[in-house]
Amino acid sequence: DEDRFPSIYERYMPLLRTIAGSRGIPY
């Protein structure tokens, strides 16, 4: 799990940031 979590974070963080930005969340 210690190895999986950072890889999941790196993989999905840009997508989640895009979703939040498209939903009108302030930068």
mmCIF file of all heavy atoms, coordinates in Angstrom:
data_MODEL
# 
_entry.id   MODEL 
# 
loop_
_atom_site.group_PDB 
_atom_site.id 
_atom_site.type_symbol 
_atom_site.label_atom_id 
_atom_site.label_alt_id 
_atom_site.label_comp_id 
_atom_site.label_asym_id 
_atom_site.label_entity_id 
_atom_site.label_seq_id 
_atom_site.pdbx_PDB_ins_code 
_atom_site.Cartn_x 
_atom_site.Cartn_y 
_atom_site.Cartn_z 
_atom_site.occupancy 
_atom_site.B_iso_or_equiv 
_atom_site.pdbx_formal_charge 
_atom_site.auth_seq_id 
_atom_site.auth_comp_id 
_atom_site.auth_asym_id 
_atom_site.auth_atom_id 
_atom_site.pdbx_PDB_model_num 
ATOM 1   N N   . ASP A 1 1  ? 0.823   -1.210 0.000   1.00 0.00 ? 1  ASP A N   1 
ATOM 2   C CA  . ASP A 1 1  ? 0.000   0.000  0.000   1.00 0.00 ? 1  ASP A CA  1 
ATOM 3   C C   . ASP A 1 1  ? 0.854   1.257  0.000   1.00 0.00 ? 1  ASP A C   1 
ATOM 4   O O   . ASP A 1 1  ? 0.486   2.265  -0.597  1.00 0.00 ? 1  ASP A O   1 
ATOM 5   C CB  . ASP A 1 1  ? -0.931  0.007  1.218   1.00 0.00 ? 1  ASP A CB  1 
ATOM 6   C CG  . ASP A 1 1  ? -2.109  -0.937 1.042   1.00 0.00 ? 1  ASP A CG  1 
ATOM 7   O OD1 . ASP A 1 1  ? -2.277  -1.475 -0.074  1.00 0.00 ? 1  ASP A OD1 1 
ATOM 8   O OD2 . ASP A 1 1  ? -2.859  -1.120 2.017   1.00 0.00 ? 1  ASP A OD2 1 
ATOM 9   N N   . GLU A 1 2  ? 2.008   1.175  0.650   1.00 0.00 ? 2  GLU A N   1 
ATOM 10  C CA  . GLU A 1 2  ? 2.900   2.334  0.692   1.00 0.00 ? 2  GLU A CA  1 
ATOM 11  C C   . GLU A 1 2  ? 3.414   2.690  -0.699  1.00 0.00 ? 2  GLU A C   1 
ATOM 12  O O   . GLU A 1 2  ? 3.670   3.848  -0.998  1.00 0.00 ? 2  GLU A O   1 
ATOM 13  C CB  . GLU A 1 2  ? 4.074   2.066  1.635   1.00 0.00 ? 2  GLU A CB  1 
ATOM 14  C CG  . GLU A 1 2  ? 3.669   1.997  3.086   1.00 0.00 ? 2  GLU A CG  1 
ATOM 15  C CD  . GLU A 1 2  ? 4.833   1.635  3.991   1.00 0.00 ? 2  GLU A CD  1 
ATOM 16  O OE1 . GLU A 1 2  ? 5.992   1.609  3.525   1.00 0.00 ? 2  GLU A OE1 1 
ATOM 17  O OE2 . GLU A 1 2  ? 4.582   1.366  5.170   1.00 0.00 ? 2  GLU A OE2 1 
ATOM 18  N N   . ASP A 1 3  ? 3.564   1.685  -1.549  1.00 0.00 ? 3  ASP A N   1 
ATOM 19  C CA  . ASP A 1 3  ? 4.015   1.934  -2.919  1.00 0.00 ? 3  ASP A CA  1 
ATOM 20  C C   . ASP A 1 3  ? 2.846   2.280  -3.839  1.00 0.00 ? 3  ASP A C   1 
ATOM 21  O O   . ASP A 1 3  ? 3.005   3.056  -4.784  1.00 0.00 ? 3  ASP A O   1 
ATOM 22  C CB  . ASP A 1 3  ? 4.738   0.701  -3.471  1.00 0.00 ? 3  ASP A CB  1 
ATOM 23  C CG  . ASP A 1 3  ? 6.009   0.387  -2.689  1.00 0.00 ? 3  ASP A CG  1 
ATOM 24  O OD1 . ASP A 1 3  ? 6.604   1.331  -2.123  1.00 0.00 ? 3  ASP A OD1 1 
ATOM 25  O OD2 . ASP A 1 3  ? 6.385   -0.802 -2.634  1.00 0.00 ? 3  ASP A OD2 1 
ATOM 26  N N   . ARG A 1 4  ? 1.685   1.683  -3.591  1.00 0.00 ? 4  ARG A N   1 
ATOM 27  C CA  . ARG A 1 4  ? 0.525   1.897  -4.456  1.00 0.00 ? 4  ARG A CA  1 
ATOM 28  C C   . ARG A 1 4  ? -0.021  3.312  -4.337  1.00 0.00 ? 4  ARG A C   1 
ATOM 29  O O   . ARG A 1 4  ? -0.377  3.928  -5.336  1.00 0.00 ? 4  ARG A O   1 
ATOM 30  C CB  . ARG A 1 4  ? -0.589  0.911  -4.088  1.00 0.00 ? 4  ARG A CB  1 
ATOM 31  C CG  . ARG A 1 4  ? -0.428  -0.416 -4.707  1.00 0.00 ? 4  ARG A CG  1 
ATOM 32  C CD  . ARG A 1 4  ? -1.712  -1.236 -4.525  1.00 0.00 ? 4  ARG A CD  1 
ATOM 33  N NE  . ARG A 1 4  ? -1.395  -2.601 -4.879  1.00 0.00 ? 4  ARG A NE  1 
ATOM 34  C CZ  . ARG A 1 4  ? -1.286  -3.599 -4.015  1.00 0.00 ? 4  ARG A CZ  1 
ATOM 35  N NH1 . ARG A 1 4  ? -1.521  -3.402 -2.745  1.00 0.00 ? 4  ARG A NH1 1 
ATOM 36  N NH2 . ARG A 1 4  ? -0.963  -4.795 -4.417  1.00 0.00 ? 4  ARG A NH2 1 
ATOM 37  N N   . PHE A 1 5  ? -0.143  3.799  -3.107  1.00 0.00 ? 5  PHE A N   1 
ATOM 38  C CA  . PHE A 1 5  ? -0.774  5.106  -2.924  1.00 0.00 ? 5  PHE A CA  1 
ATOM 39  C C   . PHE A 1 5  ? -0.070  6.229  -3.686  1.00 0.00 ? 5  PHE A C   1 
ATOM 40  O O   . PHE A 1 5  ? -0.738  6.997  -4.382  1.00 0.00 ? 5  PHE A O   1 
ATOM 41  C CB  . PHE A 1 5  ? -0.913  5.454  -1.435  1.00 0.00 ? 5  PHE A CB  1 
ATOM 42  C CG  . PHE A 1 5  ? -1.755  6.662  -1.212  1.00 0.00 ? 5  PHE A CG  1 
ATOM 43  C CD1 . PHE A 1 5  ? -3.134  6.597  -1.339  1.00 0.00 ? 5  PHE A CD1 1 
ATOM 44  C CD2 . PHE A 1 5  ? -1.178  7.887  -0.912  1.00 0.00 ? 5  PHE A CD2 1 
ATOM 45  C CE1 . PHE A 1 5  ? -3.919  7.711  -1.159  1.00 0.00 ? 5  PHE A CE1 1 
ATOM 46  C CE2 . PHE A 1 5  ? -1.952  9.009  -0.732  1.00 0.00 ? 5  PHE A CE2 1 
ATOM 47  C CZ  . PHE A 1 5  ? -3.337  8.923  -0.850  1.00 0.00 ? 5  PHE A CZ  1 
ATOM 48  N N   . PRO A 1 6  ? 1.255   6.359  -3.614  1.00 0.00 ? 6  PRO A N   1 
ATOM 49  C CA  . PRO A 1 6  ? 1.900   7.425  -4.399  1.00 0.00 ? 6  PRO A CA  1 
ATOM 50  C C   . PRO A 1 6  ? 1.661   7.285  -5.905  1.00 0.00 ? 6  PRO A C   1 
ATOM 51  O O   . PRO A 1 6  ? 1.481   8.284  -6.602  1.00 0.00 ? 6  PRO A O   1 
ATOM 52  C CB  . PRO A 1 6  ? 3.385   7.289  -4.065  1.00 0.00 ? 6  PRO A CB  1 
ATOM 53  C CG  . PRO A 1 6  ? 3.421   6.611  -2.747  1.00 0.00 ? 6  PRO A CG  1 
ATOM 54  C CD  . PRO A 1 6  ? 2.219   5.707  -2.732  1.00 0.00 ? 6  PRO A CD  1 
ATOM 55  N N   . SER A 1 7  ? 1.635   6.055  -6.393  1.00 0.00 ? 7  SER A N   1 
ATOM 56  C CA  . SER A 1 7  ? 1.401   5.889  -7.837  1.00 0.00 ? 7  SER A CA  1 
ATOM 57  C C   . SER A 1 7  ? -0.032  6.262  -8.208  1.00 0.00 ? 7  SER A C   1 
ATOM 58  O O   . SER A 1 7  ? -0.265  6.866  -9.256  1.00 0.00 ? 7  SER A O   1 
ATOM 59  C CB  . SER A 1 7  ? 1.729   4.464  -8.278  1.00 0.00 ? 7  SER A CB  1 
ATOM 60  O OG  . SER A 1 7  ? 0.811   3.550  -7.741  1.00 0.00 ? 7  SER A OG  1 
ATOM 61  N N   . ILE A 1 8  ? -0.981  5.920  -7.345  1.00 0.00 ? 8  ILE A N   1 
ATOM 62  C CA  . ILE A 1 8  ? -2.379  6.314  -7.582  1.00 0.00 ? 8  ILE A CA  1 
ATOM 63  C C   . ILE A 1 8  ? -2.491  7.835  -7.532  1.00 0.00 ? 8  ILE A C   1 
ATOM 64  O O   . ILE A 1 8  ? -3.146  8.447  -8.375  1.00 0.00 ? 8  ILE A O   1 
ATOM 65  C CB  . ILE A 1 8  ? -3.311  5.648  -6.543  1.00 0.00 ? 8  ILE A CB  1 
ATOM 66  C CG1 . ILE A 1 8  ? -3.405  4.143  -6.806  1.00 0.00 ? 8  ILE A CG1 1 
ATOM 67  C CG2 . ILE A 1 8  ? -4.695  6.282  -6.557  1.00 0.00 ? 8  ILE A CG2 1 
ATOM 68  C CD1 . ILE A 1 8  ? -4.135  3.366  -5.740  1.00 0.00 ? 8  ILE A CD1 1 
ATOM 69  N N   . TYR A 1 9  ? -1.835  8.424  -6.558  1.00 0.00 ? 9  TYR A N   1 
ATOM 70  C CA  . TYR A 1 9  ? -1.868  9.884  -6.418  1.00 0.00 ? 9  TYR A CA  1 
ATOM 71  C C   . TYR A 1 9  ? -1.316  10.559 -7.673  1.00 0.00 ? 9  TYR A C   1 
ATOM 72  O O   . TYR A 1 9  ? -1.948  11.471 -8.221  1.00 0.00 ? 9  TYR A O   1 
ATOM 73  C CB  . TYR A 1 9  ? -1.070  10.306 -5.175  1.00 0.00 ? 9  TYR A CB  1 
ATOM 74  C CG  . TYR A 1 9  ? -1.085  11.786 -4.947  1.00 0.00 ? 9  TYR A CG  1 
ATOM 75  C CD1 . TYR A 1 9  ? -2.131  12.383 -4.276  1.00 0.00 ? 9  TYR A CD1 1 
ATOM 76  C CD2 . TYR A 1 9  ? -0.053  12.595 -5.426  1.00 0.00 ? 9  TYR A CD2 1 
ATOM 77  C CE1 . TYR A 1 9  ? -2.156  13.751 -4.071  1.00 0.00 ? 9  TYR A CE1 1 
ATOM 78  C CE2 . TYR A 1 9  ? -0.070  13.964 -5.227  1.00 0.00 ? 9  TYR A CE2 1 
ATOM 79  C CZ  . TYR A 1 9  ? -1.120  14.533 -4.548  1.00 0.00 ? 9  TYR A CZ  1 
ATOM 80  O OH  . TYR A 1 9  ? -1.159  15.877 -4.354  1.00 0.00 ? 9  TYR A OH  1 
ATOM 81  N N   . GLU A 1 10 ? -0.178  10.141 -8.120  1.00 0.00 ? 10 GLU A N   1 
ATOM 82  C CA  . GLU A 1 10 ? 0.443   10.754 -9.298  1.00 0.00 ? 10 GLU A CA  1 
ATOM 83  C C   . GLU A 1 10 ? -0.396  10.552 -10.555 1.00 0.00 ? 10 GLU A C   1 
ATOM 84  O O   . GLU A 1 10 ? -0.478  11.431 -11.405 1.00 0.00 ? 10 GLU A O   1 
ATOM 85  C CB  . GLU A 1 10 ? 1.845   10.184 -9.504  1.00 0.00 ? 10 GLU A CB  1 
ATOM 86  C CG  . GLU A 1 10 ? 2.836   10.642 -8.468  1.00 0.00 ? 10 GLU A CG  1 
ATOM 87  C CD  . GLU A 1 10 ? 4.188   9.939  -8.585  1.00 0.00 ? 10 GLU A CD  1 
ATOM 88  O OE1 . GLU A 1 10 ? 4.455   9.348  -9.658  1.00 0.00 ? 10 GLU A OE1 1 
ATOM 89  O OE2 . GLU A 1 10 ? 4.946   9.970  -7.607  1.00 0.00 ? 10 GLU A OE2 1 
ATOM 90  N N   . ARG A 1 11 ? -1.025  9.389  -10.662 1.00 0.00 ? 11 ARG A N   1 
ATOM 91  C CA  . ARG A 1 11 ? -1.801  9.076  -11.854 1.00 0.00 ? 11 ARG A CA  1 
ATOM 92  C C   . ARG A 1 11 ? -3.088  9.903  -11.932 1.00 0.00 ? 11 ARG A C   1 
ATOM 93  O O   . ARG A 1 11 ? -3.460  10.385 -13.005 1.00 0.00 ? 11 ARG A O   1 
ATOM 94  C CB  . ARG A 1 11 ? -2.140  7.582  -11.868 1.00 0.00 ? 11 ARG A CB  1 
ATOM 95  C CG  . ARG A 1 11 ? -2.850  7.145  -13.148 1.00 0.00 ? 11 ARG A CG  1 
ATOM 96  C CD  . ARG A 1 11 ? -3.128  5.648  -13.201 1.00 0.00 ? 11 ARG A CD  1 
ATOM 97  N NE  . ARG A 1 11 ? -1.947  4.880  -12.842 1.00 0.00 ? 11 ARG A NE  1 
ATOM 98  C CZ  . ARG A 1 11 ? -1.956  3.878  -11.947 1.00 0.00 ? 11 ARG A CZ  1 
ATOM 99  N NH1 . ARG A 1 11 ? -3.067  3.523  -11.362 1.00 0.00 ? 11 ARG A NH1 1 
ATOM 100 N NH2 . ARG A 1 11 ? -0.852  3.221  -11.665 1.00 0.00 ? 11 ARG A NH2 1 
ATOM 101 N N   . TYR A 1 12 ? -3.789  10.075 -10.811 1.00 0.00 ? 12 TYR A N   1 
ATOM 102 C CA  . TYR A 1 12 ? -5.127  10.678 -10.845 1.00 0.00 ? 12 TYR A CA  1 
ATOM 103 C C   . TYR A 1 12 ? -5.198  12.131 -10.382 1.00 0.00 ? 12 TYR A C   1 
ATOM 104 O O   . TYR A 1 12 ? -6.219  12.783 -10.571 1.00 0.00 ? 12 TYR A O   1 
ATOM 105 C CB  . TYR A 1 12 ? -6.102  9.832  -10.031 1.00 0.00 ? 12 TYR A CB  1 
ATOM 106 C CG  . TYR A 1 12 ? -6.259  8.461  -10.625 1.00 0.00 ? 12 TYR A CG  1 
ATOM 107 C CD1 . TYR A 1 12 ? -5.828  7.339  -9.930  1.00 0.00 ? 12 TYR A CD1 1 
ATOM 108 C CD2 . TYR A 1 12 ? -6.797  8.288  -11.890 1.00 0.00 ? 12 TYR A CD2 1 
ATOM 109 C CE1 . TYR A 1 12 ? -5.941  6.078  -10.472 1.00 0.00 ? 12 TYR A CE1 1 
ATOM 110 C CE2 . TYR A 1 12 ? -6.913  7.024  -12.448 1.00 0.00 ? 12 TYR A CE2 1 
ATOM 111 C CZ  . TYR A 1 12 ? -6.486  5.931  -11.734 1.00 0.00 ? 12 TYR A CZ  1 
ATOM 112 O OH  . TYR A 1 12 ? -6.599  4.687  -12.281 1.00 0.00 ? 12 TYR A OH  1 
ATOM 113 N N   . MET A 1 13 ? -4.147  12.651 -9.786  1.00 0.00 ? 13 MET A N   1 
ATOM 114 C CA  . MET A 1 13 ? -4.177  14.026 -9.299  1.00 0.00 ? 13 MET A CA  1 
ATOM 115 C C   . MET A 1 13 ? -4.489  15.035 -10.401 1.00 0.00 ? 13 MET A C   1 
ATOM 116 O O   . MET A 1 13 ? -5.355  15.895 -10.224 1.00 0.00 ? 13 MET A O   1 
ATOM 117 C CB  . MET A 1 13 ? -2.865  14.362 -8.586  1.00 0.00 ? 13 MET A CB  1 
ATOM 118 C CG  . MET A 1 13 ? -2.895  15.677 -7.826  1.00 0.00 ? 13 MET A CG  1 
ATOM 119 S SD  . MET A 1 13 ? -2.221  17.061 -8.726  1.00 0.00 ? 13 MET A SD  1 
ATOM 120 C CE  . MET A 1 13 ? -0.591  16.521 -9.072  1.00 0.00 ? 13 MET A CE  1 
ATOM 121 N N   . PRO A 1 14 ? -3.874  14.972 -11.590 1.00 0.00 ? 14 PRO A N   1 
ATOM 122 C CA  . PRO A 1 14 ? -4.214  15.948 -12.640 1.00 0.00 ? 14 PRO A CA  1 
ATOM 123 C C   . PRO A 1 14 ? -5.686  15.863 -13.063 1.00 0.00 ? 14 PRO A C   1 
ATOM 124 O O   . PRO A 1 14 ? -6.333  16.899 -13.269 1.00 0.00 ? 14 PRO A O   1 
ATOM 125 C CB  . PRO A 1 14 ? -3.293  15.572 -13.805 1.00 0.00 ? 14 PRO A CB  1 
ATOM 126 C CG  . PRO A 1 14 ? -2.150  14.840 -13.173 1.00 0.00 ? 14 PRO A CG  1 
ATOM 127 C CD  . PRO A 1 14 ? -2.741  14.116 -12.001 1.00 0.00 ? 14 PRO A CD  1 
ATOM 128 N N   . LEU A 1 15 ? -6.210  14.663 -13.171 1.00 0.00 ? 15 LEU A N   1 
ATOM 129 C CA  . LEU A 1 15 ? -7.609  14.490 -13.545 1.00 0.00 ? 15 LEU A CA  1 
ATOM 130 C C   . LEU A 1 15 ? -8.529  15.114 -12.496 1.00 0.00 ? 15 LEU A C   1 
ATOM 131 O O   . LEU A 1 15 ? -9.474  15.837 -12.833 1.00 0.00 ? 15 LEU A O   1 
ATOM 132 C CB  . LEU A 1 15 ? -7.943  13.004 -13.708 1.00 0.00 ? 15 LEU A CB  1 
ATOM 133 C CG  . LEU A 1 15 ? -9.419  12.674 -13.883 1.00 0.00 ? 15 LEU A CG  1 
ATOM 134 C CD1 . LEU A 1 15 ? -9.936  13.196 -15.220 1.00 0.00 ? 15 LEU A CD1 1 
ATOM 135 C CD2 . LEU A 1 15 ? -9.653  11.183 -13.752 1.00 0.00 ? 15 LEU A CD2 1 
ATOM 136 N N   . LEU A 1 16 ? -8.257  14.843 -11.230 1.00 0.00 ? 16 LEU A N   1 
ATOM 137 C CA  . LEU A 1 16 ? -9.107  15.355 -10.154 1.00 0.00 ? 16 LEU A CA  1 
ATOM 138 C C   . LEU A 1 16 ? -9.026  16.875 -10.072 1.00 0.00 ? 16 LEU A C   1 
ATOM 139 O O   . LEU A 1 16 ? -10.033 17.541 -9.803  1.00 0.00 ? 16 LEU A O   1 
ATOM 140 C CB  . LEU A 1 16 ? -8.728  14.710 -8.821  1.00 0.00 ? 16 LEU A CB  1 
ATOM 141 C CG  . LEU A 1 16 ? -8.863  13.180 -8.779  1.00 0.00 ? 16 LEU A CG  1 
ATOM 142 C CD1 . LEU A 1 16 ? -8.513  12.653 -7.402  1.00 0.00 ? 16 LEU A CD1 1 
ATOM 143 C CD2 . LEU A 1 16 ? -10.239 12.725 -9.202  1.00 0.00 ? 16 LEU A CD2 1 
ATOM 144 N N   . ARG A 1 17 ? -7.853  17.423 -10.313 1.00 0.00 ? 17 ARG A N   1 
ATOM 145 C CA  . ARG A 1 17 ? -7.720  18.888 -10.339 1.00 0.00 ? 17 ARG A CA  1 
ATOM 146 C C   . ARG A 1 17 ? -8.554  19.479 -11.471 1.00 0.00 ? 17 ARG A C   1 
ATOM 147 O O   . ARG A 1 17 ? -9.193  20.510 -11.307 1.00 0.00 ? 17 ARG A O   1 
ATOM 148 C CB  . ARG A 1 17 ? -6.256  19.284 -10.509 1.00 0.00 ? 17 ARG A CB  1 
ATOM 149 C CG  . ARG A 1 17 ? -5.407  19.043 -9.271  1.00 0.00 ? 17 ARG A CG  1 
ATOM 150 C CD  . ARG A 1 17 ? -4.042  19.595 -9.508  1.00 0.00 ? 17 ARG A CD  1 
ATOM 151 N NE  . ARG A 1 17 ? -4.247  20.952 -9.988  1.00 0.00 ? 17 ARG A NE  1 
ATOM 152 C CZ  . ARG A 1 17 ? -3.798  22.045 -9.423  1.00 0.00 ? 17 ARG A CZ  1 
ATOM 153 N NH1 . ARG A 1 17 ? -3.064  21.974 -8.431  1.00 0.00 ? 17 ARG A NH1 1 
ATOM 154 N NH2 . ARG A 1 17 ? -4.050  23.234 -9.886  1.00 0.00 ? 17 ARG A NH2 1 
ATOM 155 N N   . THR A 1 18 ? -8.552  18.818 -12.612 1.00 0.00 ? 18 THR A N   1 
ATOM 156 C CA  . THR A 1 18 ? -9.339  19.282 -13.760 1.00 0.00 ? 18 THR A CA  1 
ATOM 157 C C   . THR A 1 18 ? -10.830 19.244 -13.440 1.00 0.00 ? 18 THR A C   1 
ATOM 158 O O   . THR A 1 18 ? -11.566 20.187 -13.759 1.00 0.00 ? 18 THR A O   1 
ATOM 159 C CB  . THR A 1 18 ? -9.040  18.414 -15.003 1.00 0.00 ? 18 THR A CB  1 
ATOM 160 O OG1 . THR A 1 18 ? -7.641  18.462 -15.272 1.00 0.00 ? 18 THR A OG1 1 
ATOM 161 C CG2 . THR A 1 18 ? -9.820  18.891 -16.205 1.00 0.00 ? 18 THR A CG2 1 
ATOM 162 N N   . ILE A 1 19 ? -11.273 18.162 -12.816 1.00 0.00 ? 19 ILE A N   1 
ATOM 163 C CA  . ILE A 1 19 ? -12.686 18.039 -12.449 1.00 0.00 ? 19 ILE A CA  1 
ATOM 164 C C   . ILE A 1 19 ? -13.073 19.164 -11.493 1.00 0.00 ? 19 ILE A C   1 
ATOM 165 O O   . ILE A 1 19 ? -14.106 19.820 -11.676 1.00 0.00 ? 19 ILE A O   1 
ATOM 166 C CB  . ILE A 1 19 ? -12.971 16.662 -11.821 1.00 0.00 ? 19 ILE A CB  1 
ATOM 167 C CG1 . ILE A 1 19 ? -12.834 15.558 -12.871 1.00 0.00 ? 19 ILE A CG1 1 
ATOM 168 C CG2 . ILE A 1 19 ? -14.364 16.628 -11.189 1.00 0.00 ? 19 ILE A CG2 1 
ATOM 169 C CD1 . ILE A 1 19 ? -12.879 14.146 -12.309 1.00 0.00 ? 19 ILE A CD1 1 
ATOM 170 N N   . ALA A 1 20 ? -12.263 19.390 -10.469 1.00 0.00 ? 20 ALA A N   1 
ATOM 171 C CA  . ALA A 1 20 ? -12.573 20.435 -9.488  1.00 0.00 ? 20 ALA A CA  1 
ATOM 172 C C   . ALA A 1 20 ? -12.596 21.810 -10.153 1.00 0.00 ? 20 ALA A C   1 
ATOM 173 O O   . ALA A 1 20 ? -13.489 22.629 -9.882  1.00 0.00 ? 20 ALA A O   1 
ATOM 174 C CB  . ALA A 1 20 ? -11.570 20.400 -8.340  1.00 0.00 ? 20 ALA A CB  1 
ATOM 175 N N   . GLY A 1 21 ? -11.640 22.067 -11.034 1.00 0.00 ? 21 GLY A N   1 
ATOM 176 C CA  . GLY A 1 21 ? -11.612 23.355 -11.733 1.00 0.00 ? 21 GLY A CA  1 
ATOM 177 C C   . GLY A 1 21 ? -12.821 23.548 -12.625 1.00 0.00 ? 21 GLY A C   1 
ATOM 178 O O   . GLY A 1 21 ? -13.380 24.652 -12.708 1.00 0.00 ? 21 GLY A O   1 
ATOM 179 N N   . SER A 1 22 ? -13.248 22.491 -13.296 1.00 0.00 ? 22 SER A N   1 
ATOM 180 C CA  . SER A 1 22 ? -14.405 22.595 -14.189 1.00 0.00 ? 22 SER A CA  1 
ATOM 181 C C   . SER A 1 22 ? -15.708 22.764 -13.416 1.00 0.00 ? 22 SER A C   1 
ATOM 182 O O   . SER A 1 22 ? -16.704 23.205 -13.974 1.00 0.00 ? 22 SER A O   1 
ATOM 183 C CB  . SER A 1 22 ? -14.501 21.365 -15.087 1.00 0.00 ? 22 SER A CB  1 
ATOM 184 O OG  . SER A 1 22 ? -14.861 20.227 -14.334 1.00 0.00 ? 22 SER A OG  1 
ATOM 185 N N   . ARG A 1 23 ? -15.696 22.441 -12.149 1.00 0.00 ? 23 ARG A N   1 
ATOM 186 C CA  . ARG A 1 23 ? -16.884 22.594 -11.303 1.00 0.00 ? 23 ARG A CA  1 
ATOM 187 C C   . ARG A 1 23 ? -16.933 23.949 -10.614 1.00 0.00 ? 23 ARG A C   1 
ATOM 188 O O   . ARG A 1 23 ? -17.742 24.167 -9.718  1.00 0.00 ? 23 ARG A O   1 
ATOM 189 C CB  . ARG A 1 23 ? -16.925 21.486 -10.259 1.00 0.00 ? 23 ARG A CB  1 
ATOM 190 C CG  . ARG A 1 23 ? -17.067 20.126 -10.882 1.00 0.00 ? 23 ARG A CG  1 
ATOM 191 C CD  . ARG A 1 23 ? -18.220 19.463 -10.321 1.00 0.00 ? 23 ARG A CD  1 
ATOM 192 N NE  . ARG A 1 23 ? -18.614 18.313 -11.082 1.00 0.00 ? 23 ARG A NE  1 
ATOM 193 C CZ  . ARG A 1 23 ? -19.815 17.843 -11.033 1.00 0.00 ? 23 ARG A CZ  1 
ATOM 194 N NH1 . ARG A 1 23 ? -20.704 18.411 -10.285 1.00 0.00 ? 23 ARG A NH1 1 
ATOM 195 N NH2 . ARG A 1 23 ? -20.138 16.786 -11.730 1.00 0.00 ? 23 ARG A NH2 1 
ATOM 196 N N   . GLY A 1 24 ? -16.025 24.859 -10.999 1.00 0.00 ? 24 GLY A N   1 
ATOM 197 C CA  . GLY A 1 24 ? -16.082 26.216 -10.486 1.00 0.00 ? 24 GLY A CA  1 
ATOM 198 C C   . GLY A 1 24 ? -15.414 26.433 -9.141  1.00 0.00 ? 24 GLY A C   1 
ATOM 199 O O   . GLY A 1 24 ? -15.660 27.439 -8.483  1.00 0.00 ? 24 GLY A O   1 
ATOM 200 N N   . ILE A 1 25 ? -14.578 25.525 -8.727  1.00 0.00 ? 25 ILE A N   1 
ATOM 201 C CA  . ILE A 1 25 ? -13.860 25.681 -7.467  1.00 0.00 ? 25 ILE A CA  1 
ATOM 202 C C   . ILE A 1 25 ? -12.738 26.700 -7.689  1.00 0.00 ? 25 ILE A C   1 
ATOM 203 O O   . ILE A 1 25 ? -11.994 26.608 -8.669  1.00 0.00 ? 25 ILE A O   1 
ATOM 204 C CB  . ILE A 1 25 ? -13.274 24.330 -6.994  1.00 0.00 ? 25 ILE A CB  1 
ATOM 205 C CG1 . ILE A 1 25 ? -14.376 23.287 -6.831  1.00 0.00 ? 25 ILE A CG1 1 
ATOM 206 C CG2 . ILE A 1 25 ? -12.487 24.498 -5.703  1.00 0.00 ? 25 ILE A CG2 1 
ATOM 207 C CD1 . ILE A 1 25 ? -15.449 23.628 -5.836  1.00 0.00 ? 25 ILE A CD1 1 
ATOM 208 N N   . PRO A 1 26 ? -12.579 27.672 -6.787  1.00 0.00 ? 26 PRO A N   1 
ATOM 209 C CA  . PRO A 1 26 ? -11.491 28.647 -6.939  1.00 0.00 ? 26 PRO A CA  1 
ATOM 210 C C   . PRO A 1 26 ? -10.133 27.958 -6.968  1.00 0.00 ? 26 PRO A C   1 
ATOM 211 O O   . PRO A 1 26 ? -9.918  26.942 -6.299  1.00 0.00 ? 26 PRO A O   1 
ATOM 212 C CB  . PRO A 1 26 ? -11.620 29.531 -5.689  1.00 0.00 ? 26 PRO A CB  1 
ATOM 213 C CG  . PRO A 1 26 ? -13.016 29.345 -5.222  1.00 0.00 ? 26 PRO A CG  1 
ATOM 214 C CD  . PRO A 1 26 ? -13.418 27.966 -5.630  1.00 0.00 ? 26 PRO A CD  1 
ATOM 215 N N   . TYR A 1 27 ? -9.226  28.527 -7.733  1.00 0.00 ? 27 TYR A N   1 
ATOM 216 C CA  . TYR A 1 27 ? -7.901  27.936 -7.935  1.00 0.00 ? 27 TYR A CA  1 
ATOM 217 C C   . TYR A 1 27 ? -7.207  27.609 -6.614  1.00 0.00 ? 27 TYR A C   1 
ATOM 218 O O   . TYR A 1 27 ? -6.589  26.560 -6.478  1.00 0.00 ? 27 TYR A O   1 
ATOM 219 C CB  . TYR A 1 27 ? -7.044  28.880 -8.781  1.00 0.00 ? 27 TYR A CB  1 
ATOM 220 C CG  . TYR A 1 27 ? -5.681  28.334 -9.092  1.00 0.00 ? 27 TYR A CG  1 
ATOM 221 C CD1 . TYR A 1 27 ? -5.518  27.378 -10.091 1.00 0.00 ? 27 TYR A CD1 1 
ATOM 222 C CD2 . TYR A 1 27 ? -4.560  28.750 -8.378  1.00 0.00 ? 27 TYR A CD2 1 
ATOM 223 C CE1 . TYR A 1 27 ? -4.261  26.859 -10.376 1.00 0.00 ? 27 TYR A CE1 1 
ATOM 224 C CE2 . TYR A 1 27 ? -3.306  28.239 -8.656  1.00 0.00 ? 27 TYR A CE2 1 
ATOM 225 C CZ  . TYR A 1 27 ? -3.164  27.287 -9.650  1.00 0.00 ? 27 TYR A CZ  1 
ATOM 226 O OH  . TYR A 1 27 ? -1.924  26.763 -9.922  1.00 0.00 ? 27 TYR A OH  1 
# 
